């Protein structure tokens, strides 16, 4: 399990950007999460999620297929199936598992030795990233920011907090990389 790491942060914190940057620095794979949300431009099934209907997700939940799953602020579901986690644990590479704070709470109970990173961003930077990316309504933006406050209140769940401030991506990547390399070396 020393090869699996959690990256978590509110929408707009740069989780996917950090993961892609880390991929250039480390032999990296991702745990593929299953979601009910719609695909965005540039996404495909398996990159970065498995996209399924809410009915399909409900059936998988009823069958106990998920290690963890949660409904997010927008009514969409995210979860990791046991089969996808087994693939991650068997990998010889470093594996990143992206999830929200609810998932971290569940996973840390089952797998307390998995190291978790909270990606932090100043609130105004987060707000501007969401506006730029999603062009949201004020109501949508307010809901996202309220959900962000829940992440901040759950900070104690995480092993490390990494700041991903505007213009300092390289510093955040270097911090995460150094911790991952240290943790992997201590497993050997």
Foldseek 3Di string as FASTA:
>chain_A
DLQEAEEEEFPQLCRVVLQVVLVVVFVEDELAKEKQDDDDPPADAVVRHHHDHPVVVVVCVVVVQFLDKDQDLVRMIITGGPVSVVVQVPDPTRYYYYDYLRRLVSVCVVPVPHAYEYEDEPLVSSLVSCCVPPVDDPVVSVSSSVRNVVRVVSVVSHPYYAYDYPPCSVVSSVVVVVVSVVSSVVVD
